[in-house]
Amino acid sequence: MPAGRTRAEYGTIDQVLRVDPLSSRWLAHARRGATRAVAPAVRATGWVARHPRTHRYARRLGVFAVALAGVALGVLLAGRVKADVGPFRAEFAVVPSLTGGTEVAIPPLGSLHLASHSGPAHFVVRLEDLDQKRTTALVRDPNGLSRASDDAVTDVDRGVHRLALQVAGVSVLGAMLAGALVYRNMRRTAECGGLAIVIVVVTAGITAGTFRQNSIEEPRYEGLLTNAPAVVGDARKIAGQYEEYRAELQRLVQNVSRIYGTVSALPVYSPDASTIRVLHISDMHLNPAAWSVVQTVVQQFNIDVVVDTGDITDWGSIPEDSYVANIASLKVPYIFVRGNHDSALTAAAVARQPNAKVLDNAVITVDGLTIAGIGDPRFTPDKSTDQHAGSKTPDQLVLESGRKLADTVVRQSAETHKPVDIVMVHDPASTQPLVGRCPLVLAGHLHARDVSVLEPDKGAQVQFPYTRLMVEGSTGGAGLRGLESTEPLPLALSVLYFDKTHTVAAYDDIKVGGTGQTQVALERHIVKPPTKPGPSASPSPSVSGS
């Protein structure tokens, strides 16, 4: 463009090209270059689109898609059968799924979930109706219950076989109907039917190949009480409704634990007479409903010892002592370490309970288990305590408390020639100095359940190749903090089963819906030695959890 002229003076691009021949030649050259670059790709695309194989593959892909859609639709509409299982009328069903697995539904009590297999088929057994005549006959017959138990496996096998045949039939029929509707051609319809058979066979192969017979060892139970009392705004009714909610929680946990115990006592891990049952709780934060749940679990699971990893209160004040007094009603040994919300007054109130013991860099033996513990060095409600820490930060104080306890554990093991079985801290950040010096560390503080395996540093003089860290959620649902989020934080606690060697053989994770909710989940875990321990790093100190 000549100097001193603006683009506006030239008007349209055509006018620019007419005035400036150099620009016109440049644009023409660019067009020819672009044509040379794009032309081969355009010709290749056209050749591929016109090639007979392309059409053949597209047709096959379309037939497969139609067959797959027909199989899925047929299974969804008719992939279920009814069968009698003992006194129950049960429904067996298969639904398409990406994760597989098995669900045993017991309305309205809840459902049991098993990671039984992988693949595109999810197996559902739903116990629907209880036949009154058969139930009465079973009760009146002295041998009725035992005979029904023996026949139950046969009934389930019969139902599964019927389901398998029906699913295969409706899959082929659904695929052929879909093919007939889409193509209206006998050959394409037959191809859809053949592909359906292949899909069924492959699905059955994946299910059989990934089947895990021991999946029932680690079931997950989920229940929902539909008529849960709601928390309303009438202040005159809050107390009465809260007591009703608290009583419902207690009954719900009791009933669910009975069902869970009955189901999980079939071909699964079963604690023997030598098993020591330890209930791990943490971060109660003054939630009165938590005591009902704890007491129910203590009774239903025959708990021998309760261990509390701190934050039983919010402010560590004298008026909160009345909440601590509930410990005595448990009537089993109660071992406690102070959290960052518990003051020395709180620890003293706990120690006054007849069944309680407070550990602060100390070791105790209860029911044969050797337990060591130390309180959190911080007291969060009193901000002035930071002034007395000198040059050390709160994080350094937490780590230093772990070192103190590690020295105590090593000294105790050397004196008694017996290892410490359980170590209790509040903040999991205290764990690092304890790795390799004890088999198990219990902690809380984070209000979130987590289980990990930590490996000691290379070259460290340790007694154990790894240490298992089990961080408990908040048994009190974080108290009032649990209501700050969209969904109330669930009440979390765990039952640990120690065998005769004082090793954790299994544990049950229990979650009860937060304040105003009554959903319960129980999940069994079998503990096995890790094939490869985890990283040596332990969690960073955190104050956010509490």
Protein backbone atom coordinates (compact mmCIF):
# COMPACT_ATOMS: atom_id res chain seq x y z
CA MET A 1 0.00 0.00 0.00
CA PRO A 2 1.54 3.35 -1.03
CA ALA A 3 2.71 5.59 1.76
CA GLY A 4 0.36 8.31 2.93
CA ARG A 5 -2.82 6.39 2.02
CA THR A 6 -5.12 4.69 4.55
CA ARG A 7 -7.12 1.47 4.10
CA ALA A 8 -10.37 3.40 4.39
CA GLU A 9 -9.46 5.36 1.28
CA TYR A 10 -9.34 2.18 -0.76
CA GLY A 11 -12.74 0.79 0.27
CA THR A 12 -13.18 -2.96 -0.30
CA ILE A 13 -10.44 -5.59 -0.64
CA ASP A 14 -11.14 -5.87 -4.35
CA GLN A 15 -10.37 -2.18 -4.71
CA VAL A 16 -7.12 -2.71 -2.77
CA LEU A 17 -6.05 -5.50 -5.12
CA ARG A 18 -6.84 -3.42 -8.21
CA VAL A 19 -4.83 -0.46 -6.90
CA ASP A 20 -1.89 -2.48 -5.57
CA PRO A 21 -0.72 -5.14 -8.12
CA LEU A 22 1.91 -6.41 -5.67
CA SER A 23 -0.74 -7.39 -3.16
CA SER A 24 -2.75 -9.09 -5.87
CA ARG A 25 0.22 -11.20 -7.00
CA TRP A 26 0.98 -12.15 -3.37
CA LEU A 27 -2.58 -13.29 -2.70
CA ALA A 28 -2.68 -15.36 -5.88
CA HIS A 29 0.58 -17.04 -4.92
CA ALA A 30 -0.82 -17.86 -1.45
CA ARG A 31 -3.93 -19.38 -2.98
CA ARG A 32 -1.89 -21.64 -5.28
CA GLY A 33 0.28 -22.79 -2.32
CA ALA A 34 -2.74 -23.59 -0.20
CA THR A 35 -4.31 -25.53 -3.05
CA ARG A 36 -1.16 -27.62 -3.51
CA ALA A 37 -1.03 -28.37 0.24
CA VAL A 38 -4.70 -29.27 0.67
CA ALA A 39 -5.34 -31.08 -2.59
CA PRO A 40 -3.62 -34.38 -1.63
CA ALA A 41 -5.59 -34.58 1.62
CA VAL A 42 -8.84 -33.88 -0.20
CA ARG A 43 -8.06 -36.53 -2.83
CA ALA A 44 -7.12 -39.06 -0.07
CA THR A 45 -10.31 -38.34 1.82
CA GLY A 46 -12.40 -38.81 -1.26
CA TRP A 47 -10.59 -42.06 -2.08
CA VAL A 48 -11.20 -43.41 1.44
CA ALA A 49 -14.85 -42.38 1.32
CA ARG A 50 -15.31 -44.08 -2.06
CA HIS A 51 -13.36 -47.23 -1.17
CA PRO A 52 -15.53 -50.37 -0.81
CA ARG A 53 -13.86 -51.34 2.47
CA THR A 54 -14.93 -48.06 4.05
CA HIS A 55 -18.57 -48.79 3.30
CA ARG A 56 -18.13 -52.38 4.52
CA TYR A 57 -16.63 -51.32 7.84
CA ALA A 58 -19.24 -48.60 8.31
CA ARG A 59 -22.03 -51.13 7.73
CA ARG A 60 -20.47 -53.56 10.22
CA LEU A 61 -20.04 -50.82 12.81
CA GLY A 62 -23.65 -49.80 12.35
CA VAL A 63 -24.88 -53.39 12.72
CA PHE A 64 -22.81 -53.78 15.89
CA ALA A 65 -24.19 -50.54 17.36
CA VAL A 66 -27.77 -51.61 16.62
CA ALA A 67 -27.15 -55.07 18.11
CA LEU A 68 -25.58 -53.59 21.24
CA ALA A 69 -28.47 -51.17 21.70
CA GLY A 70 -30.96 -54.01 21.24
CA VAL A 71 -29.16 -56.18 23.80
CA ALA A 72 -29.11 -53.35 26.36
CA LEU A 73 -32.77 -52.53 25.79
CA GLY A 74 -33.81 -56.18 26.03
CA VAL A 75 -31.88 -56.67 29.30
CA LEU A 76 -33.35 -53.51 30.81
CA LEU A 77 -36.92 -54.44 29.89
CA ALA A 78 -36.93 -58.17 30.56
CA GLY A 79 -33.64 -59.12 32.26
CA ARG A 80 -35.25 -60.19 35.54
CA VAL A 81 -36.89 -63.30 36.99
CA LYS A 82 -38.89 -64.09 40.14
CA ALA A 83 -37.95 -67.00 42.40
CA ASP A 84 -38.61 -68.25 45.92
CA VAL A 85 -35.68 -68.11 48.35
CA GLY A 86 -36.80 -69.64 51.63
CA PRO A 87 -39.86 -67.71 52.82
CA PHE A 88 -39.02 -64.77 50.54
CA ARG A 89 -40.22 -63.96 47.05
CA ALA A 90 -37.03 -62.69 45.41
CA GLU A 91 -36.26 -60.93 42.16
CA PHE A 92 -33.03 -61.64 40.28
CA ALA A 93 -31.96 -59.07 37.71
CA VAL A 94 -29.06 -58.05 35.50
CA VAL A 95 -28.54 -54.42 34.47
CA PRO A 96 -25.87 -52.97 32.17
CA SER A 97 -22.99 -51.45 34.13
CA LEU A 98 -19.39 -50.36 33.66
CA THR A 99 -18.23 -51.58 37.07
CA GLY A 100 -20.00 -54.91 37.56
CA GLY A 101 -20.53 -56.08 41.14
CA THR A 102 -23.47 -57.57 43.03
CA GLU A 103 -26.17 -55.95 45.14
CA VAL A 104 -28.44 -57.76 47.61
CA ALA A 105 -31.36 -55.42 48.37
CA ILE A 106 -33.53 -55.92 51.47
CA PRO A 107 -36.21 -53.19 51.33
CA PRO A 108 -36.75 -51.12 53.40
CA LEU A 109 -33.69 -51.99 55.48
CA GLY A 110 -31.04 -51.33 52.87
CA SER A 111 -28.69 -53.26 50.61
CA LEU A 112 -25.46 -55.22 50.69
CA HIS A 113 -22.88 -54.42 47.97
CA LEU A 114 -20.18 -56.87 46.88
CA ALA A 115 -17.31 -56.27 44.45
CA SER A 116 -17.91 -59.76 43.06
CA HIS A 117 -16.81 -59.23 39.46
CA SER A 118 -15.97 -56.68 36.80
CA GLY A 119 -17.49 -56.15 33.42
CA PRO A 120 -20.65 -54.79 31.83
CA ALA A 121 -23.19 -56.76 33.93
CA HIS A 122 -24.39 -55.75 37.40
CA PHE A 123 -26.20 -58.51 39.32
CA VAL A 124 -29.08 -57.56 41.64
CA VAL A 125 -30.95 -59.80 44.10
CA ARG A 126 -33.98 -58.11 45.65
CA LEU A 127 -35.89 -59.75 48.51
CA GLU A 128 -39.38 -58.38 48.00
CA ASP A 129 -42.20 -60.21 49.77
CA LEU A 130 -42.34 -62.47 52.80
CA ASP A 131 -44.83 -65.27 52.19
CA GLN A 132 -46.98 -65.62 55.29
CA LYS A 133 -47.88 -69.29 54.79
CA ARG A 134 -44.29 -70.42 54.23
CA THR A 135 -43.06 -68.29 57.14
CA THR A 136 -45.68 -69.78 59.48
CA ALA A 137 -44.76 -73.29 58.34
CA LEU A 138 -41.08 -72.63 58.95
CA VAL A 139 -41.72 -71.33 62.45
CA ARG A 140 -44.00 -74.25 63.41
CA ASP A 141 -41.70 -76.90 61.98
CA PRO A 142 -38.83 -77.65 64.46
CA ASN A 143 -36.50 -78.37 61.53
CA GLY A 144 -37.95 -75.72 59.26
CA LEU A 145 -35.28 -73.04 59.75
CA SER A 146 -32.36 -75.42 59.27
CA ARG A 147 -33.99 -76.95 56.20
CA ALA A 148 -34.70 -73.50 54.77
CA SER A 149 -31.07 -72.53 55.30
CA ASP A 150 -29.90 -75.65 53.47
CA ASP A 151 -32.30 -75.04 50.59
CA ALA A 152 -31.47 -71.34 50.27
CA VAL A 153 -28.28 -71.96 48.26
CA THR A 154 -30.17 -74.29 45.91
CA ASP A 155 -32.93 -71.68 45.51
CA VAL A 156 -30.38 -68.99 44.65
CA ASP A 157 -28.60 -71.26 42.13
CA ARG A 158 -31.91 -72.06 40.49
CA GLY A 159 -32.79 -68.38 40.25
CA VAL A 160 -29.39 -67.48 38.79
CA HIS A 161 -29.62 -70.20 36.14
CA ARG A 162 -33.10 -69.08 35.12
CA LEU A 163 -31.89 -65.50 34.95
CA ALA A 164 -28.90 -66.43 32.77
CA LEU A 165 -31.09 -68.27 30.26
CA GLN A 166 -33.67 -65.49 30.16
CA VAL A 167 -31.05 -62.76 29.75
CA ALA A 168 -29.47 -64.66 26.86
CA GLY A 169 -32.88 -65.05 25.21
CA VAL A 170 -34.02 -61.42 25.60
CA SER A 171 -30.60 -60.18 24.47
CA VAL A 172 -30.80 -62.04 21.15
CA LEU A 173 -34.48 -61.17 20.71
CA GLY A 174 -33.88 -57.48 21.50
CA ALA A 175 -30.97 -57.28 19.05
CA MET A 176 -32.97 -58.96 16.25
CA LEU A 177 -35.98 -56.71 16.82
CA ALA A 178 -33.74 -53.64 16.74
CA GLY A 179 -32.12 -54.91 13.52
CA ALA A 180 -35.50 -55.57 11.91
CA LEU A 181 -36.76 -52.09 12.79
CA VAL A 182 -33.63 -50.31 11.56
CA TYR A 183 -32.67 -52.31 8.45
CA ARG A 184 -35.87 -54.23 7.48
CA ASN A 185 -33.58 -56.82 6.00
CA MET A 186 -33.41 -60.50 6.99
CA ARG A 187 -29.64 -60.70 6.54
CA ARG A 188 -28.95 -57.66 8.72
CA THR A 189 -31.43 -58.93 11.32
CA ALA A 190 -29.64 -62.29 11.44
CA GLU A 191 -26.28 -60.48 11.80
CA CYS A 192 -27.65 -58.52 14.78
CA GLY A 193 -28.76 -61.78 16.39
CA GLY A 194 -25.35 -63.35 15.86
CA LEU A 195 -23.59 -60.32 17.32
CA ALA A 196 -25.93 -60.48 20.33
CA ILE A 197 -24.80 -64.06 21.00
CA VAL A 198 -21.18 -62.92 20.80
CA ILE A 199 -21.88 -60.04 23.23
CA VAL A 200 -23.58 -62.40 25.70
CA VAL A 201 -20.73 -64.93 25.52
CA VAL A 202 -18.05 -62.23 25.97
CA THR A 203 -19.93 -60.72 28.92
CA ALA A 204 -20.28 -64.14 30.55
CA GLY A 205 -16.57 -64.78 29.98
CA ILE A 206 -15.54 -61.46 31.55
CA THR A 207 -17.83 -62.10 34.54
CA ALA A 208 -16.48 -65.61 35.07
CA GLY A 209 -12.88 -64.55 34.50
CA THR A 210 -13.03 -61.68 37.00
CA PHE A 211 -15.24 -63.40 39.59
CA ARG A 212 -13.91 -62.93 43.13
CA GLN A 213 -15.28 -65.59 45.45
CA ASN A 214 -13.85 -63.88 48.53
CA SER A 215 -15.64 -60.59 47.77
CA ILE A 216 -18.19 -61.44 50.46
CA GLU A 217 -15.37 -61.03 53.00
CA GLU A 218 -15.53 -57.26 52.44
CA PRO A 219 -19.20 -56.34 52.06
CA ARG A 220 -20.56 -52.81 52.22
CA TYR A 221 -23.93 -52.26 53.82
CA GLU A 222 -26.03 -49.18 53.11
CA GLY A 223 -29.37 -48.44 54.72
CA LEU A 224 -31.85 -45.62 54.76
CA LEU A 225 -34.64 -44.99 57.24
CA THR A 226 -37.26 -43.17 55.18
CA ASN A 227 -39.25 -41.66 58.03
CA ALA A 228 -36.32 -39.80 59.57
CA PRO A 229 -37.35 -36.91 61.84
CA ALA A 230 -36.49 -33.53 60.40
CA VAL A 231 -34.90 -30.62 62.20
CA VAL A 232 -37.44 -27.73 62.08
CA GLY A 233 -37.38 -24.15 63.24
CA ASP A 234 -39.86 -24.32 66.12
CA ALA A 235 -37.66 -23.87 69.20
CA ARG A 236 -40.31 -25.39 71.46
CA LYS A 237 -40.09 -28.72 69.60
CA ILE A 238 -36.35 -28.97 68.96
CA ALA A 239 -35.52 -30.77 72.22
CA GLY A 240 -38.22 -33.39 71.81
CA GLN A 241 -37.45 -33.99 68.15
CA TYR A 242 -33.74 -34.22 68.83
CA GLU A 243 -34.37 -36.92 71.45
CA GLU A 244 -36.58 -38.73 68.94
CA TYR A 245 -33.85 -38.49 66.31
CA ARG A 246 -31.28 -39.70 68.81
CA ALA A 247 -33.45 -42.72 69.74
CA GLU A 248 -34.02 -43.52 66.05
CA LEU A 249 -30.28 -43.48 65.43
CA GLN A 250 -29.73 -45.88 68.29
CA ARG A 251 -32.39 -48.31 67.06
CA LEU A 252 -31.22 -48.01 63.47
CA VAL A 253 -27.58 -48.79 64.26
CA GLN A 254 -28.70 -51.69 66.44
CA ASN A 255 -30.87 -53.21 63.71
CA VAL A 256 -28.34 -52.65 60.95
CA SER A 257 -25.54 -54.17 63.00
CA ARG A 258 -27.66 -57.28 63.60
CA ILE A 259 -28.42 -57.67 59.91
CA TYR A 260 -24.81 -57.00 58.99
CA GLY A 261 -23.57 -59.45 61.59
CA THR A 262 -25.93 -62.15 60.33
CA VAL A 263 -24.97 -61.67 56.68
CA SER A 264 -21.25 -61.28 57.28
CA ALA A 265 -21.12 -64.37 59.51
CA LEU A 266 -21.70 -66.70 56.56
CA PRO A 267 -18.50 -67.74 54.73
CA VAL A 268 -16.45 -64.73 55.86
CA TYR A 269 -13.90 -63.67 58.43
CA SER A 270 -15.39 -64.60 61.79
CA PRO A 271 -13.74 -63.38 65.01
CA ASP A 272 -13.05 -66.22 67.44
CA ALA A 273 -13.06 -66.22 71.22
CA SER A 274 -9.51 -64.87 71.38
CA THR A 275 -10.32 -61.81 69.23
CA ILE A 276 -10.03 -58.43 70.96
CA ARG A 277 -12.52 -55.87 69.65
CA VAL A 278 -11.41 -52.24 69.81
CA LEU A 279 -13.70 -49.34 68.94
CA HIS A 280 -11.83 -46.32 67.55
CA ILE A 281 -13.61 -42.96 67.91
CA SER A 282 -12.36 -39.41 67.52
CA ASP A 283 -13.44 -35.76 67.31
CA MET A 284 -16.78 -36.03 69.14
CA HIS A 285 -17.01 -32.22 69.43
CA LEU A 286 -19.87 -32.22 71.96
CA ASN A 287 -22.39 -33.97 69.69
CA PRO A 288 -24.84 -35.65 72.13
CA ALA A 289 -26.21 -37.98 69.44
CA ALA A 290 -22.75 -39.53 69.07
CA TRP A 291 -22.93 -41.17 72.50
CA SER A 292 -26.04 -43.14 71.51
CA VAL A 293 -24.28 -44.48 68.44
CA VAL A 294 -21.11 -45.31 70.38
CA GLN A 295 -23.04 -47.08 73.12
CA THR A 296 -25.04 -49.13 70.59
CA VAL A 297 -21.88 -50.21 68.76
CA VAL A 298 -20.20 -51.14 72.05
CA GLN A 299 -23.13 -53.42 72.89
CA GLN A 300 -23.83 -54.87 69.44
CA PHE A 301 -20.21 -55.57 68.51
CA ASN A 302 -19.16 -56.78 71.97
CA ILE A 303 -16.45 -54.13 72.22
CA ASP A 304 -13.65 -54.80 74.72
CA VAL A 305 -11.87 -51.42 74.62
CA VAL A 306 -12.77 -47.94 73.35
CA VAL A 307 -9.90 -45.72 72.17
CA ASP A 308 -10.53 -41.99 71.67
CA THR A 309 -7.95 -39.92 69.76
CA GLY A 310 -9.13 -36.56 71.06
CA ASP A 311 -11.26 -33.47 70.55
CA ILE A 312 -14.07 -34.77 72.71
CA THR A 313 -14.99 -31.14 73.47
CA ASP A 314 -14.92 -27.80 71.62
CA TRP A 315 -13.56 -25.32 74.18
CA GLY A 316 -12.07 -27.43 76.97
CA SER A 317 -14.20 -25.60 79.55
CA ILE A 318 -15.63 -26.79 82.87
CA PRO A 319 -19.29 -26.73 81.68
CA GLU A 320 -18.34 -29.32 79.06
CA ASP A 321 -17.47 -31.83 81.82
CA SER A 322 -21.10 -33.03 81.82
CA TYR A 323 -20.62 -34.26 78.25
CA VAL A 324 -17.49 -36.19 79.25
CA ALA A 325 -19.47 -37.92 82.02
CA ASN A 326 -21.14 -40.14 79.39
CA ILE A 327 -17.94 -42.20 79.26
CA ALA A 328 -18.92 -44.08 82.42
CA SER A 329 -22.11 -45.41 80.81
CA LEU A 330 -20.09 -47.42 78.28
CA LYS A 331 -18.84 -49.75 81.05
CA VAL A 332 -15.74 -50.83 79.09
CA PRO A 333 -12.16 -49.50 79.33
CA TYR A 334 -11.88 -46.08 77.68
CA ILE A 335 -8.41 -44.89 76.59
CA PHE A 336 -8.08 -41.20 75.72
CA VAL A 337 -5.48 -38.80 74.34
CA ARG A 338 -6.06 -35.06 74.34
CA GLY A 339 -6.85 -33.24 71.07
CA ASN A 340 -6.11 -29.64 70.20
CA HIS A 341 -9.61 -28.66 71.42
CA ASP A 342 -9.19 -30.46 74.77
CA SER A 343 -7.69 -28.61 77.72
CA ALA A 344 -5.97 -29.97 80.82
CA LEU A 345 -9.36 -29.56 82.53
CA THR A 346 -10.91 -31.81 79.89
CA ALA A 347 -8.22 -34.46 80.42
CA ALA A 348 -8.80 -34.31 84.17
CA ALA A 349 -12.58 -34.71 83.67
CA VAL A 350 -11.99 -37.78 81.51
CA ALA A 351 -9.56 -39.25 84.05
CA ARG A 352 -12.21 -38.96 86.77
CA GLN A 353 -14.44 -41.45 84.96
CA PRO A 354 -14.15 -44.90 86.59
CA ASN A 355 -13.43 -46.75 83.32
CA ALA A 356 -11.19 -44.13 81.68
CA LYS A 357 -7.45 -43.70 81.35
CA VAL A 358 -5.74 -40.62 79.89
CA LEU A 359 -2.40 -41.17 78.14
CA ASP A 360 0.11 -38.36 77.81
CA ASN A 361 3.42 -39.84 76.69
CA ALA A 362 2.55 -42.99 78.63
CA VAL A 363 1.96 -46.70 78.04
CA ILE A 364 -0.82 -48.94 79.40
CA THR A 365 -1.87 -52.57 78.96
CA VAL A 366 -5.60 -53.26 78.54
CA ASP A 367 -7.08 -56.69 77.80
CA GLY A 368 -3.61 -57.85 76.78
CA LEU A 369 -3.08 -54.99 74.31
CA THR A 370 -0.16 -52.62 74.96
CA ILE A 371 -1.26 -49.09 74.10
CA ALA A 372 0.88 -45.92 74.05
CA GLY A 373 -0.38 -42.39 73.53
CA ILE A 374 0.37 -38.70 73.78
CA GLY A 375 -1.85 -35.62 73.82
CA ASP A 376 -1.77 -32.86 71.21
CA PRO A 377 0.70 -30.14 72.31
CA ARG A 378 -1.59 -27.37 71.05
CA PHE A 379 -4.72 -25.94 72.62
CA THR A 380 -6.47 -24.15 69.79
CA PRO A 381 -9.20 -22.28 71.74
CA ASP A 382 -6.57 -20.42 73.81
CA LYS A 383 -4.67 -18.30 71.30
CA SER A 384 -2.31 -17.09 74.01
CA THR A 385 -0.66 -20.51 74.20
CA ASP A 386 1.27 -19.72 71.03
CA GLN A 387 3.22 -17.09 72.99
CA HIS A 388 4.62 -19.78 75.31
CA ALA A 389 5.88 -21.99 72.49
CA GLY A 390 9.05 -19.96 72.13
CA SER A 391 10.56 -20.09 68.66
CA LYS A 392 8.79 -23.36 67.74
CA THR A 393 5.85 -23.31 65.36
CA PRO A 394 2.71 -25.40 66.02
CA ASP A 395 3.82 -27.81 63.30
CA GLN A 396 7.17 -28.30 64.99
CA LEU A 397 5.45 -28.91 68.32
CA VAL A 398 3.26 -31.62 66.76
CA LEU A 399 6.28 -33.37 65.23
CA GLU A 400 8.22 -33.08 68.49
CA SER A 401 5.40 -34.77 70.39
CA GLY A 402 5.69 -37.69 67.96
CA ARG A 403 9.43 -37.93 68.69
CA LYS A 404 8.79 -37.96 72.44
CA LEU A 405 6.28 -40.76 72.09
CA ALA A 406 8.61 -42.69 69.77
CA ASP A 407 11.33 -42.58 72.45
CA THR A 408 8.82 -43.85 75.02
CA VAL A 409 7.72 -46.67 72.70
CA VAL A 410 11.30 -47.78 72.03
CA ARG A 411 12.14 -47.68 75.73
CA GLN A 412 9.00 -49.65 76.65
CA SER A 413 9.75 -52.33 74.04
CA ALA A 414 13.34 -52.67 75.26
CA GLU A 415 12.31 -53.02 78.90
CA THR A 416 9.48 -55.52 78.38
CA HIS A 417 10.87 -57.27 75.27
CA LYS A 418 7.38 -56.89 73.83
CA PRO A 419 6.32 -54.44 71.12
CA VAL A 420 3.68 -51.78 71.65
CA ASP A 421 0.54 -52.90 69.81
CA ILE A 422 -1.26 -49.56 69.37
CA VAL A 423 -0.02 -45.98 69.37
CA MET A 424 -2.53 -43.13 69.77
CA VAL A 425 -2.00 -39.54 68.61
CA HIS A 426 -4.45 -36.81 67.68
CA ASP A 427 -2.86 -35.25 64.62
CA PRO A 428 -1.56 -37.81 62.04
CA ALA A 429 1.35 -35.42 61.43
CA SER A 430 2.87 -36.83 64.65
CA THR A 431 3.25 -40.23 62.97
CA GLN A 432 6.53 -39.86 61.07
CA PRO A 433 8.91 -40.47 64.05
CA LEU A 434 6.80 -43.55 64.96
CA VAL A 435 7.03 -45.27 61.57
CA GLY A 436 8.76 -48.63 61.94
CA ARG A 437 8.67 -48.50 65.74
CA CYS A 438 5.11 -49.79 66.10
CA PRO A 439 2.73 -51.74 63.85
CA LEU A 440 -0.30 -49.46 64.18
CA VAL A 441 -0.95 -45.74 64.74
CA LEU A 442 -4.47 -44.41 65.38
CA ALA A 443 -5.23 -40.71 64.81
CA GLY A 444 -8.05 -38.28 64.12
CA HIS A 445 -8.13 -34.48 63.71
CA LEU A 446 -8.78 -34.39 59.93
CA HIS A 447 -12.50 -35.34 60.11
CA ALA A 448 -11.95 -37.73 57.19
CA ARG A 449 -11.34 -41.48 57.19
CA ASP A 450 -8.02 -42.61 55.73
CA VAL A 451 -5.95 -45.80 55.99
CA SER A 452 -2.38 -45.93 54.71
CA VAL A 453 0.80 -47.97 55.08
CA LEU A 454 4.01 -46.03 55.78
CA GLU A 455 7.56 -47.26 55.23
CA PRO A 456 10.43 -46.14 57.51
CA ASP A 457 13.36 -44.20 56.15
CA LYS A 458 16.16 -46.27 54.65
CA GLY A 459 18.87 -47.13 57.12
CA ALA A 460 16.72 -46.35 60.18
CA GLN A 461 16.95 -48.74 63.13
CA VAL A 462 13.36 -49.98 63.33
CA GLN A 463 11.46 -52.98 64.60
CA PHE A 464 8.77 -53.20 61.91
CA PRO A 465 9.07 -53.03 58.10
CA TYR A 466 6.04 -50.74 57.92
CA THR A 467 3.48 -48.98 60.10
CA ARG A 468 -0.22 -48.85 59.35
CA LEU A 469 -1.80 -45.43 59.95
CA MET A 470 -5.56 -45.36 60.50
CA VAL A 471 -7.08 -41.89 60.65
CA GLU A 472 -10.66 -41.83 61.94
CA GLY A 473 -13.37 -39.47 60.73
CA SER A 474 -15.36 -37.36 63.15
CA THR A 475 -17.50 -39.54 65.43
CA GLY A 476 -19.45 -36.41 66.34
CA GLY A 477 -19.90 -35.31 62.74
CA ALA A 478 -17.59 -32.36 63.59
CA GLY A 479 -20.26 -31.03 65.96
CA LEU A 480 -21.83 -27.79 64.76
CA ARG A 481 -19.14 -27.50 62.07
CA GLY A 482 -20.70 -30.48 60.35
CA LEU A 483 -23.75 -28.35 59.51
CA GLU A 484 -21.71 -25.70 57.69
CA SER A 485 -21.44 -27.74 54.48
CA THR A 486 -24.26 -28.61 52.08
CA GLU A 487 -24.48 -32.16 53.45
CA PRO A 488 -24.01 -32.79 57.19
CA LEU A 489 -20.78 -34.60 57.97
CA PRO A 490 -21.50 -38.27 58.86
CA LEU A 491 -20.70 -39.74 62.26
CA ALA A 492 -17.71 -42.04 61.70
CA LEU A 493 -16.24 -44.78 63.88
CA SER A 494 -14.44 -48.09 63.34
CA VAL A 495 -14.32 -51.52 64.97
CA LEU A 496 -10.86 -53.12 64.90
CA TYR A 497 -10.46 -56.89 65.34
CA PHE A 498 -7.13 -57.99 66.88
CA ASP A 499 -6.19 -61.68 66.65
CA LYS A 500 -4.27 -63.68 69.25
CA THR A 501 -0.97 -62.22 68.00
CA HIS A 502 -2.34 -58.71 68.68
CA THR A 503 -2.38 -57.94 64.96
CA VAL A 504 -5.30 -56.23 63.23
CA ALA A 505 -7.00 -58.96 61.19
CA ALA A 506 -10.01 -56.95 60.03
CA TYR A 507 -11.90 -53.75 60.68
CA ASP A 508 -15.41 -52.42 60.10
CA ASP A 509 -15.91 -48.81 59.00
CA ILE A 510 -19.23 -47.44 60.25
CA LYS A 511 -20.81 -44.21 59.04
CA VAL A 512 -24.08 -42.79 60.30
CA GLY A 513 -25.72 -39.88 58.44
CA GLY A 514 -25.03 -36.47 59.97
CA THR A 515 -27.37 -34.48 62.18
CA GLY A 516 -30.96 -34.87 60.98
CA GLN A 517 -30.13 -37.88 58.77
CA THR A 518 -30.33 -41.59 59.54
CA GLN A 519 -28.42 -43.30 56.75
CA VAL A 520 -26.05 -46.02 57.92
CA ALA A 521 -23.17 -47.66 56.04
CA LEU A 522 -21.04 -50.52 57.36
CA GLU A 523 -18.08 -51.79 55.38
CA ARG A 524 -15.88 -54.78 56.26
CA HIS A 525 -12.16 -54.78 55.40
CA ILE A 526 -9.81 -57.76 55.72
CA VAL A 527 -6.28 -56.64 56.61
CA LYS A 528 -3.47 -58.29 54.67
CA PRO A 529 0.27 -57.52 54.71
CA PRO A 530 1.04 -55.06 51.92
CA THR A 531 2.99 -56.40 48.94
CA LYS A 532 4.90 -53.13 48.92
CA PRO A 533 4.73 -50.57 51.74
CA GLY A 534 3.73 -47.03 50.91
CA PRO A 535 5.92 -43.93 50.92
CA SER A 536 7.81 -42.91 54.01
CA ALA A 537 6.30 -39.45 54.10
CA SER A 538 3.56 -38.93 56.67
CA PRO A 539 0.75 -36.37 56.51
CA SER A 540 1.64 -32.74 57.00
CA PRO A 541 0.49 -31.04 60.20
CA SER A 542 -2.96 -29.59 59.83
CA VAL A 543 -5.23 -27.49 61.96
CA SER A 544 -8.04 -27.26 59.42
CA GLY A 545 -9.72 -30.50 60.45
CA SER A 546 -10.58 -29.25 63.91
